Amino acid sequence: MPVEGREQQKLIARVRRIRGQVDAIERSLSEKEHCADVLMLLANVRGGINSLMAEVLEDHIRLHMLTPEKEKTDSTELAEDLIDLVRAYLK
């Protein structure tokens, strides 16, 4: 994925935060913490993953679907490609 250096570093930082959150879930389960606390940690991870997915998906659309070559493509075909992409990754 050809992402600019600064953008790439932001994505890597997000992944590291998510990794820390997953580690916190593991610790919570090991220490038999309350279900509500574990659920909150899980929700935080899900939010982080969804945010990361949206960012990478947006980059993919901008870098690979909105190129000069694609400008000649029928807008219906481009829309179908985008729908397929969203369906594949946001299940």
PDB file of N, CA and C in Angstrom:
ATOM      1  N   MET A   1       0.856  -1.175   0.000  1.00  0.00           N
ATOM      2  CA  MET A   1       0.000   0.000   0.000  1.00  0.00           C
ATOM      3  C   MET A   1       0.892   1.225   0.000  1.00  0.00           C
ATOM      4  N   PRO A   2       0.906   1.962  -1.076  1.00  0.00           N
ATOM      5  CA  PRO A   2       1.764   3.152  -1.141  1.00  0.00           C
ATOM      6  C   PRO A   2       1.169   4.325  -0.386  1.00  0.00           C
ATOM      7  N   VAL A   3       1.555   4.460   0.846  1.00  0.00           N
ATOM      8  CA  VAL A   3       1.057   5.552   1.683  1.00  0.00           C
ATOM      9  C   VAL A   3       2.241   6.448   2.021  1.00  0.00           C
ATOM     10  N   GLU A   4       1.992   7.745   2.075  1.00  0.00           N
ATOM     11  CA  GLU A   4       3.035   8.701   2.433  1.00  0.00           C
ATOM     12  C   GLU A   4       3.611   8.359   3.807  1.00  0.00           C
ATOM     13  N   GLY A   5       4.859   8.734   4.050  1.00  0.00           N
ATOM     14  CA  GLY A   5       5.546   8.408   5.293  1.00  0.00           C
ATOM     15  C   GLY A   5       4.789   8.828   6.542  1.00  0.00           C
ATOM     16  N   ARG A   6       4.298  10.051   6.559  1.00  0.00           N
ATOM     17  CA  ARG A   6       3.573  10.561   7.734  1.00  0.00           C
ATOM     18  C   ARG A   6       2.271   9.788   7.944  1.00  0.00           C
ATOM     19  N   GLU A   7       1.549   9.543   6.853  1.00  0.00           N
ATOM     20  CA  GLU A   7       0.292   8.782   6.940  1.00  0.00           C
ATOM     21  C   GLU A   7       0.569   7.361   7.400  1.00  0.00           C
ATOM     22  N   GLN A   8       1.623   6.768   6.885  1.00  0.00           N
ATOM     23  CA  GLN A   8       1.984   5.409   7.268  1.00  0.00           C
ATOM     24  C   GLN A   8       2.290   5.353   8.756  1.00  0.00           C
ATOM     25  N   GLN A   9       2.994   6.327   9.264  1.00  0.00           N
ATOM     26  CA  GLN A   9       3.322   6.359  10.696  1.00  0.00           C
ATOM     27  C   GLN A   9       2.057   6.491  11.548  1.00  0.00           C
ATOM     28  N   LYS A  10       1.084   7.270  11.070  1.00  0.00           N
ATOM     29  CA  LYS A  10      -0.185   7.400  11.793  1.00  0.00           C
ATOM     30  C   LYS A  10      -0.917   6.058  11.843  1.00  0.00           C
ATOM     31  N   LEU A  11      -0.913   5.342  10.730  1.00  0.00           N
ATOM     32  CA  LEU A  11      -1.575   4.035  10.697  1.00  0.00           C
ATOM     33  C   LEU A  11      -0.874   3.045  11.623  1.00  0.00           C
ATOM     34  N   ILE A  12       0.440   3.061  11.615  1.00  0.00           N
ATOM     35  CA  ILE A  12       1.202   2.167  12.490  1.00  0.00           C
ATOM     36  C   ILE A  12       0.936   2.504  13.950  1.00  0.00           C
ATOM     37  N   ALA A  13       0.851   3.782  14.281  1.00  0.00           N
ATOM     38  CA  ALA A  13       0.537   4.188  15.654  1.00  0.00           C
ATOM     39  C   ALA A  13      -0.842   3.671  16.059  1.00  0.00           C
ATOM     40  N   ARG A  14      -1.805   3.713  15.145  1.00  0.00           N
ATOM     41  CA  ARG A  14      -3.146   3.177  15.444  1.00  0.00           C
ATOM     42  C   ARG A  14      -3.082   1.684  15.723  1.00  0.00           C
ATOM     43  N   VAL A  15      -2.323   0.968  14.913  1.00  0.00           N
ATOM     44  CA  VAL A  15      -2.191  -0.474  15.109  1.00  0.00           C
ATOM     45  C   VAL A  15      -1.570  -0.763  16.471  1.00  0.00           C
ATOM     46  N   ARG A  16      -0.602   0.012  16.860  1.00  0.00           N
ATOM     47  CA  ARG A  16       0.038  -0.196  18.168  1.00  0.00           C
ATOM     48  C   ARG A  16      -0.931   0.079  19.316  1.00  0.00           C
ATOM     49  N   ARG A  17      -1.783   1.107  19.142  1.00  0.00           N
ATOM     50  CA  ARG A  17      -2.799   1.373  20.170  1.00  0.00           C
ATOM     51  C   ARG A  17      -3.775   0.206  20.269  1.00  0.00           C
ATOM     52  N   ILE A  18      -4.172  -0.302  19.124  1.00  0.00           N
ATOM     53  CA  ILE A  18      -5.100  -1.449  19.106  1.00  0.00           C
ATOM     54  C   ILE A  18      -4.441  -2.656  19.771  1.00  0.00           C
ATOM     55  N   ARG A  19      -3.170  -2.881  19.476  1.00  0.00           N
ATOM     56  CA  ARG A  19      -2.446  -3.993  20.103  1.00  0.00           C
ATOM     57  C   ARG A  19      -2.443  -3.836  21.618  1.00  0.00           C
ATOM     58  N   GLY A  20      -2.228  -2.629  22.101  1.00  0.00           N
ATOM     59  CA  GLY A  20      -2.257  -2.375  23.542  1.00  0.00           C
ATOM     60  C   GLY A  20      -3.634  -2.646  24.127  1.00  0.00           C
ATOM     61  N   GLN A  21      -4.668  -2.290  23.382  1.00  0.00           N
ATOM     62  CA  GLN A  21      -6.034  -2.550  23.852  1.00  0.00           C
ATOM     63  C   GLN A  21      -6.315  -4.050  23.902  1.00  0.00           C
ATOM     64  N   VAL A  22      -5.831  -4.786  22.910  1.00  0.00           N
ATOM     65  CA  VAL A  22      -6.025  -6.241  22.908  1.00  0.00           C
ATOM     66  C   VAL A  22      -5.270  -6.870  24.075  1.00  0.00           C
ATOM     67  N   ASP A  23      -4.080  -6.376  24.351  1.00  0.00           N
ATOM     68  CA  ASP A  23      -3.332  -6.861  25.518  1.00  0.00           C
ATOM     69  C   ASP A  23      -4.107  -6.607  26.807  1.00  0.00           C
ATOM     70  N   ALA A  24      -4.760  -5.462  26.887  1.00  0.00           N
ATOM     71  CA  ALA A  24      -5.571  -5.141  28.072  1.00  0.00           C
ATOM     72  C   ALA A  24      -6.741  -6.111  28.206  1.00  0.00           C
ATOM     73  N   ILE A  25      -7.327  -6.515  27.090  1.00  0.00           N
ATOM     74  CA  ILE A  25      -8.408  -7.507  27.136  1.00  0.00           C
ATOM     75  C   ILE A  25      -7.873  -8.825  27.691  1.00  0.00           C
ATOM     76  N   GLU A  26      -6.724  -9.245  27.198  1.00  0.00           N
ATOM     77  CA  GLU A  26      -6.135 -10.493  27.681  1.00  0.00           C
ATOM     78  C   GLU A  26      -5.869 -10.434  29.185  1.00  0.00           C
ATOM     79  N   ARG A  27      -5.312  -9.309  29.650  1.00  0.00           N
ATOM     80  CA  ARG A  27      -5.058  -9.167  31.089  1.00  0.00           C
ATOM     81  C   ARG A  27      -6.360  -9.211  31.880  1.00  0.00           C
ATOM     82  N   SER A  28      -7.378  -8.539  31.371  1.00  0.00           N
ATOM     83  CA  SER A  28      -8.668  -8.509  32.065  1.00  0.00           C
ATOM     84  C   SER A  28      -9.274  -9.901  32.175  1.00  0.00           C
ATOM     85  N   LEU A  29      -9.168 -10.652  31.108  1.00  0.00           N
ATOM     86  CA  LEU A  29      -9.703 -12.017  31.143  1.00  0.00           C
ATOM     87  C   LEU A  29      -8.892 -12.902  32.087  1.00  0.00           C
ATOM     88  N   SER A  30      -7.582 -12.733  32.067  1.00  0.00           N
ATOM     89  CA  SER A  30      -6.715 -13.525  32.950  1.00  0.00           C
ATOM     90  C   SER A  30      -6.975 -13.217  34.417  1.00  0.00           C
ATOM     91  N   GLU A  31      -7.273 -11.954  34.692  1.00  0.00           N
ATOM     92  CA  GLU A  31      -7.513 -11.523  36.070  1.00  0.00           C
ATOM     93  C   GLU A  31      -8.978 -11.649  36.467  1.00  0.00           C
ATOM     94  N   LYS A  32      -9.781 -12.218  35.570  1.00  0.00           N
ATOM     95  CA  LYS A  32     -11.210 -12.460  35.822  1.00  0.00           C
ATOM     96  C   LYS A  32     -11.943 -11.190  36.252  1.00  0.00           C
ATOM     97  N   GLU A  33     -11.708 -10.121  35.500  1.00  0.00           N
ATOM     98  CA  GLU A  33     -12.391  -8.864  35.777  1.00  0.00           C
ATOM     99  C   GLU A  33     -13.857  -8.977  35.376  1.00  0.00           C
ATOM    100  N   HIS A  34     -14.643  -7.999  35.804  1.00  0.00           N
ATOM    101  CA  HIS A  34     -16.078  -8.000  35.515  1.00  0.00           C
ATOM    102  C   HIS A  34     -16.337  -8.001  34.011  1.00  0.00           C
ATOM    103  N   CYS A  35     -17.391  -8.678  33.630  1.00  0.00           N
ATOM    104  CA  CYS A  35     -17.778  -8.770  32.218  1.00  0.00           C
ATOM    105  C   CYS A  35     -17.974  -7.384  31.600  1.00  0.00           C
ATOM    106  N   ALA A  36     -18.564  -6.478  32.355  1.00  0.00           N
ATOM    107  CA  ALA A  36     -18.820  -5.130  31.835  1.00  0.00           C
ATOM    108  C   ALA A  36     -17.512  -4.437  31.459  1.00  0.00           C
ATOM    109  N   ASP A  37     -16.474  -4.636  32.254  1.00  0.00           N
ATOM    110  CA  ASP A  37     -15.180  -4.033  31.954  1.00  0.00           C
ATOM    111  C   ASP A  37     -14.571  -4.633  30.687  1.00  0.00           C
ATOM    112  N   VAL A  38     -14.685  -5.954  30.555  1.00  0.00           N
ATOM    113  CA  VAL A  38     -14.158  -6.631  29.365  1.00  0.00           C
ATOM    114  C   VAL A  38     -14.932  -6.184  28.126  1.00  0.00           C
ATOM    115  N   LEU A  39     -16.249  -6.080  28.255  1.00  0.00           N
ATOM    116  CA  LEU A  39     -17.068  -5.633  27.125  1.00  0.00           C
ATOM    117  C   LEU A  39     -16.693  -4.221  26.687  1.00  0.00           C
ATOM    118  N   MET A  40     -16.400  -3.360  27.638  1.00  0.00           N
ATOM    119  CA  MET A  40     -15.986  -1.990  27.298  1.00  0.00           C
ATOM    120  C   MET A  40     -14.663  -2.013  26.540  1.00  0.00           C
ATOM    121  N   LEU A  41     -13.734  -2.846  26.988  1.00  0.00           N
ATOM    122  CA  LEU A  41     -12.456  -2.962  26.277  1.00  0.00           C
ATOM    123  C   LEU A  41     -12.662  -3.509  24.864  1.00  0.00           C
ATOM    124  N   LEU A  42     -13.536  -4.491  24.736  1.00  0.00           N
ATOM    125  CA  LEU A  42     -13.840  -5.055  23.414  1.00  0.00           C
ATOM    126  C   LEU A  42     -14.454  -3.997  22.491  1.00  0.00           C
ATOM    127  N   ALA A  43     -15.348  -3.205  23.034  1.00  0.00           N
ATOM    128  CA  ALA A  43     -15.975  -2.147  22.236  1.00  0.00           C
ATOM    129  C   ALA A  43     -14.928  -1.129  21.774  1.00  0.00           C
ATOM    130  N   ASN A  44     -13.969  -0.830  22.644  1.00  0.00           N
ATOM    131  CA  ASN A  44     -12.893   0.104  22.281  1.00  0.00           C
ATOM    132  C   ASN A  44     -12.051  -0.449  21.139  1.00  0.00           C
ATOM    133  N   VAL A  45     -11.743  -1.752  21.201  1.00  0.00           N
ATOM    134  CA  VAL A  45     -10.961  -2.377  20.139  1.00  0.00           C
ATOM    135  C   VAL A  45     -11.745  -2.369  18.833  1.00  0.00           C
ATOM    136  N   ARG A  46     -13.019  -2.705  18.924  1.00  0.00           N
ATOM    137  CA  ARG A  46     -13.855  -2.709  17.725  1.00  0.00           C
ATOM    138  C   ARG A  46     -13.881  -1.313  17.096  1.00  0.00           C
ATOM    139  N   GLY A  47     -14.011  -0.287  17.909  1.00  0.00           N
ATOM    140  CA  GLY A  47     -13.993   1.078  17.402  1.00  0.00           C
ATOM    141  C   GLY A  47     -12.664   1.422  16.745  1.00  0.00           C
ATOM    142  N   GLY A  48     -11.577   0.989  17.366  1.00  0.00           N
ATOM    143  CA  GLY A  48     -10.250   1.243  16.797  1.00  0.00           C
ATOM    144  C   GLY A  48     -10.055   0.532  15.471  1.00  0.00           C
ATOM    145  N   ILE A  49     -10.492  -0.708  15.392  1.00  0.00           N
ATOM    146  CA  ILE A  49     -10.390  -1.483  14.147  1.00  0.00           C
ATOM    147  C   ILE A  49     -11.253  -0.842  13.063  1.00  0.00           C
ATOM    148  N   ASN A  50     -12.481  -0.474  13.414  1.00  0.00           N
ATOM    149  CA  ASN A  50     -13.372   0.155  12.430  1.00  0.00           C
ATOM    150  C   ASN A  50     -12.776   1.458  11.903  1.00  0.00           C
ATOM    151  N   SER A  51     -12.186   2.237  12.787  1.00  0.00           N
ATOM    152  CA  SER A  51     -11.570   3.494  12.391  1.00  0.00           C
ATOM    153  C   SER A  51     -10.376   3.251  11.463  1.00  0.00           C
ATOM    154  N   LEU A  52      -9.556   2.264  11.811  1.00  0.00           N
ATOM    155  CA  LEU A  52      -8.415   1.914  10.987  1.00  0.00           C
ATOM    156  C   LEU A  52      -8.883   1.414   9.624  1.00  0.00           C
ATOM    157  N   MET A  53      -9.905   0.572   9.612  1.00  0.00           N
ATOM    158  CA  MET A  53     -10.455   0.048   8.360  1.00  0.00           C
ATOM    159  C   MET A  53     -10.949   1.197   7.476  1.00  0.00           C
ATOM    160  N   ALA A  54     -11.651   2.143   8.066  1.00  0.00           N
ATOM    161  CA  ALA A  54     -12.164   3.278   7.301  1.00  0.00           C
ATOM    162  C   ALA A  54     -11.024   4.090   6.694  1.00  0.00           C
ATOM    163  N   GLU A  55      -9.978   4.299   7.457  1.00  0.00           N
ATOM    164  CA  GLU A  55      -8.832   5.075   6.986  1.00  0.00           C
ATOM    165  C   GLU A  55      -8.144   4.385   5.811  1.00  0.00           C
ATOM    166  N   VAL A  56      -7.894   3.088   5.949  1.00  0.00           N
ATOM    167  CA  VAL A  56      -7.216   2.345   4.885  1.00  0.00           C
ATOM    168  C   VAL A  56      -8.115   2.243   3.652  1.00  0.00           C
ATOM    169  N   LEU A  57      -9.403   2.051   3.873  1.00  0.00           N
ATOM    170  CA  LEU A  57     -10.351   1.984   2.762  1.00  0.00           C
ATOM    171  C   LEU A  57     -10.394   3.314   2.011  1.00  0.00           C
ATOM    172  N   GLU A  58     -10.413   4.406   2.754  1.00  0.00           N
ATOM    173  CA  GLU A  58     -10.404   5.732   2.128  1.00  0.00           C
ATOM    174  C   GLU A  58      -9.131   5.933   1.306  1.00  0.00           C
ATOM    175  N   ASP A  59      -7.991   5.533   1.877  1.00  0.00           N
ATOM    176  CA  ASP A  59      -6.731   5.648   1.143  1.00  0.00           C
ATOM    177  C   ASP A  59      -6.772   4.808  -0.135  1.00  0.00           C
ATOM    178  N   HIS A  60      -7.319   3.605  -0.030  1.00  0.00           N
ATOM    179  CA  HIS A  60      -7.408   2.732  -1.201  1.00  0.00           C
ATOM    180  C   HIS A  60      -8.248   3.389  -2.293  1.00  0.00           C
ATOM    181  N   ILE A  61      -9.376   3.938  -1.909  1.00  0.00           N
ATOM    182  CA  ILE A  61     -10.252   4.587  -2.883  1.00  0.00           C
ATOM    183  C   ILE A  61      -9.536   5.758  -3.546  1.00  0.00           C
ATOM    184  N   ARG A  62      -8.905   6.592  -2.727  1.00  0.00           N
ATOM    185  CA  ARG A  62      -8.227   7.770  -3.282  1.00  0.00           C
ATOM    186  C   ARG A  62      -7.021   7.393  -4.152  1.00  0.00           C
ATOM    187  N   LEU A  63      -6.249   6.387  -3.711  1.00  0.00           N
ATOM    188  CA  LEU A  63      -5.011   6.053  -4.414  1.00  0.00           C
ATOM    189  C   LEU A  63      -5.209   5.129  -5.606  1.00  0.00           C
ATOM    190  N   HIS A  64      -6.222   4.275  -5.551  1.00  0.00           N
ATOM    191  CA  HIS A  64      -6.352   3.253  -6.585  1.00  0.00           C
ATOM    192  C   HIS A  64      -7.608   3.369  -7.433  1.00  0.00           C
ATOM    193  N   MET A  65      -8.623   4.030  -6.927  1.00  0.00           N
ATOM    194  CA  MET A  65      -9.863   4.116  -7.685  1.00  0.00           C
ATOM    195  C   MET A  65     -10.048   5.494  -8.317  1.00  0.00           C
ATOM    196  N   LEU A  66      -9.447   6.513  -7.747  1.00  0.00           N
ATOM    197  CA  LEU A  66      -9.580   7.870  -8.281  1.00  0.00           C
ATOM    198  C   LEU A  66      -8.282   8.297  -8.967  1.00  0.00           C
ATOM    199  N   THR A  67      -7.843   7.490  -9.904  1.00  0.00           N
ATOM    200  CA  THR A  67      -6.630   7.773 -10.649  1.00  0.00           C
ATOM    201  C   THR A  67      -7.002   8.325 -12.023  1.00  0.00           C
ATOM    202  N   PRO A  68      -6.055   8.963 -12.707  1.00  0.00           N
ATOM    203  CA  PRO A  68      -6.365   9.484 -14.048  1.00  0.00           C
ATOM    204  C   PRO A  68      -6.884   8.404 -15.006  1.00  0.00           C
ATOM    205  N   GLU A  69      -6.352   7.170 -14.884  1.00  0.00           N
ATOM    206  CA  GLU A  69      -6.832   6.089 -15.747  1.00  0.00           C
ATOM    207  C   GLU A  69      -8.305   5.785 -15.477  1.00  0.00           C
ATOM    208  N   LYS A  70      -8.697   5.881 -14.217  1.00  0.00           N
ATOM    209  CA  LYS A  70     -10.070   5.568 -13.826  1.00  0.00           C
ATOM    210  C   LYS A  70     -11.051   6.658 -14.244  1.00  0.00           C
ATOM    211  N   GLU A  71     -10.544   7.873 -14.522  1.00  0.00           N
ATOM    212  CA  GLU A  71     -11.440   8.956 -14.941  1.00  0.00           C
ATOM    213  C   GLU A  71     -12.161   8.603 -16.235  1.00  0.00           C
ATOM    214  N   LYS A  72     -11.541   7.747 -17.045  1.00  0.00           N
ATOM    215  CA  LYS A  72     -12.143   7.336 -18.304  1.00  0.00           C
ATOM    216  C   LYS A  72     -13.157   6.211 -18.101  1.00  0.00           C
ATOM    217  N   THR A  73     -13.179   5.640 -16.899  1.00  0.00           N
ATOM    218  CA  THR A  73     -14.075   4.544 -16.587  1.00  0.00           C
ATOM    219  C   THR A  73     -15.492   5.065 -16.369  1.00  0.00           C
ATOM    220  N   ASP A  74     -16.443   4.277 -16.790  1.00  0.00           N
ATOM    221  CA  ASP A  74     -17.849   4.602 -16.589  1.00  0.00           C
ATOM    222  C   ASP A  74     -18.120   4.753 -15.092  1.00  0.00           C
ATOM    223  N   SER A  75     -18.845   5.796 -14.701  1.00  0.00           N
ATOM    224  CA  SER A  75     -19.114   6.040 -13.281  1.00  0.00           C
ATOM    225  C   SER A  75     -19.920   4.897 -12.663  1.00  0.00           C
ATOM    226  N   THR A  76     -20.751   4.223 -13.448  1.00  0.00           N
ATOM    227  CA  THR A  76     -21.505   3.081 -12.926  1.00  0.00           C
ATOM    228  C   THR A  76     -20.558   1.945 -12.554  1.00  0.00           C
ATOM    229  N   GLU A  77     -19.571   1.702 -13.392  1.00  0.00           N
ATOM    230  CA  GLU A  77     -18.585   0.656 -13.111  1.00  0.00           C
ATOM    231  C   GLU A  77     -17.770   1.003 -11.871  1.00  0.00           C
ATOM    232  N   LEU A  78     -17.379   2.258 -11.749  1.00  0.00           N
ATOM    233  CA  LEU A  78     -16.630   2.709 -10.585  1.00  0.00           C
ATOM    234  C   LEU A  78     -17.474   2.565  -9.319  1.00  0.00           C
ATOM    235  N   ALA A  79     -18.746   2.915  -9.398  1.00  0.00           N
ATOM    236  CA  ALA A  79     -19.647   2.772  -8.251  1.00  0.00           C
ATOM    237  C   ALA A  79     -19.787   1.300  -7.866  1.00  0.00           C
ATOM    238  N   GLU A  80     -19.916   0.419  -8.844  1.00  0.00           N
ATOM    239  CA  GLU A  80     -20.029  -1.021  -8.559  1.00  0.00           C
ATOM    240  C   GLU A  80     -18.753  -1.539  -7.903  1.00  0.00           C
ATOM    241  N   ASP A  81     -17.604  -1.081  -8.378  1.00  0.00           N
ATOM    242  CA  ASP A  81     -16.332  -1.475  -7.756  1.00  0.00           C
ATOM    243  C   ASP A  81     -16.283  -1.031  -6.299  1.00  0.00           C
ATOM    244  N   LEU A  82     -16.737   0.183  -6.041  1.00  0.00           N
ATOM    245  CA  LEU A  82     -16.737   0.719  -4.684  1.00  0.00           C
ATOM    246  C   LEU A  82     -17.693  -0.067  -3.789  1.00  0.00           C
ATOM    247  N   ILE A  83     -18.863  -0.383  -4.289  1.00  0.00           N
ATOM    248  CA  ILE A  83     -19.835  -1.178  -3.525  1.00  0.00           C
ATOM    249  C   ILE A  83     -19.255  -2.544  -3.195  1.00  0.00           C
ATOM    250  N   ASP A  84     -18.621  -3.192  -4.179  1.00  0.00           N
ATOM    251  CA  ASP A  84     -17.996  -4.501  -3.940  1.00  0.00           C
ATOM    252  C   ASP A  84     -16.916  -4.400  -2.869  1.00  0.00           C
ATOM    253  N   LEU A  85     -16.137  -3.339  -2.924  1.00  0.00           N
ATOM    254  CA  LEU A  85     -15.065  -3.134  -1.953  1.00  0.00           C
ATOM    255  C   LEU A  85     -15.628  -2.976  -0.545  1.00  0.00           C
ATOM    256  N   VAL A  86     -16.644  -2.142  -0.408  1.00  0.00           N
ATOM    257  CA  VAL A  86     -17.256  -1.917   0.905  1.00  0.00           C
ATOM    258  C   VAL A  86     -17.875  -3.208   1.429  1.00  0.00           C
ATOM    259  N   ARG A  87     -18.580  -3.929   0.591  1.00  0.00           N
ATOM    260  CA  ARG A  87     -19.193  -5.193   1.029  1.00  0.00           C
ATOM    261  C   ARG A  87     -18.150  -6.209   1.469  1.00  0.00           C
ATOM    262  N   ALA A  88     -17.048  -6.270   0.754  1.00  0.00           N
ATOM    263  CA  ALA A  88     -16.006  -7.248   1.071  1.00  0.00           C
ATOM    264  C   ALA A  88     -15.332  -6.979   2.411  1.00  0.00           C
ATOM    265  N   TYR A  89     -15.146  -5.712   2.735  1.00  0.00           N
ATOM    266  CA  TYR A  89     -14.350  -5.383   3.917  1.00  0.00           C
ATOM    267  C   TYR A  89     -15.143  -4.919   5.128  1.00  0.00           C
ATOM    268  N   LEU A  90     -16.407  -4.628   4.962  1.00  0.00           N
ATOM    269  CA  LEU A  90     -17.185  -4.151   6.104  1.00  0.00           C
ATOM    270  C   LEU A  90     -18.309  -5.125   6.455  1.00  0.00           C
ATOM    271  N   LYS A  91     -18.020  -6.393   6.400  1.00  0.00           N
ATOM    272  CA  LYS A  91     -19.011  -7.418   6.779  1.00  0.00           C
ATOM    273  C   LYS A  91     -19.094  -7.528   8.269  1.00  0.00           C
TER     274      LYS A  91
END
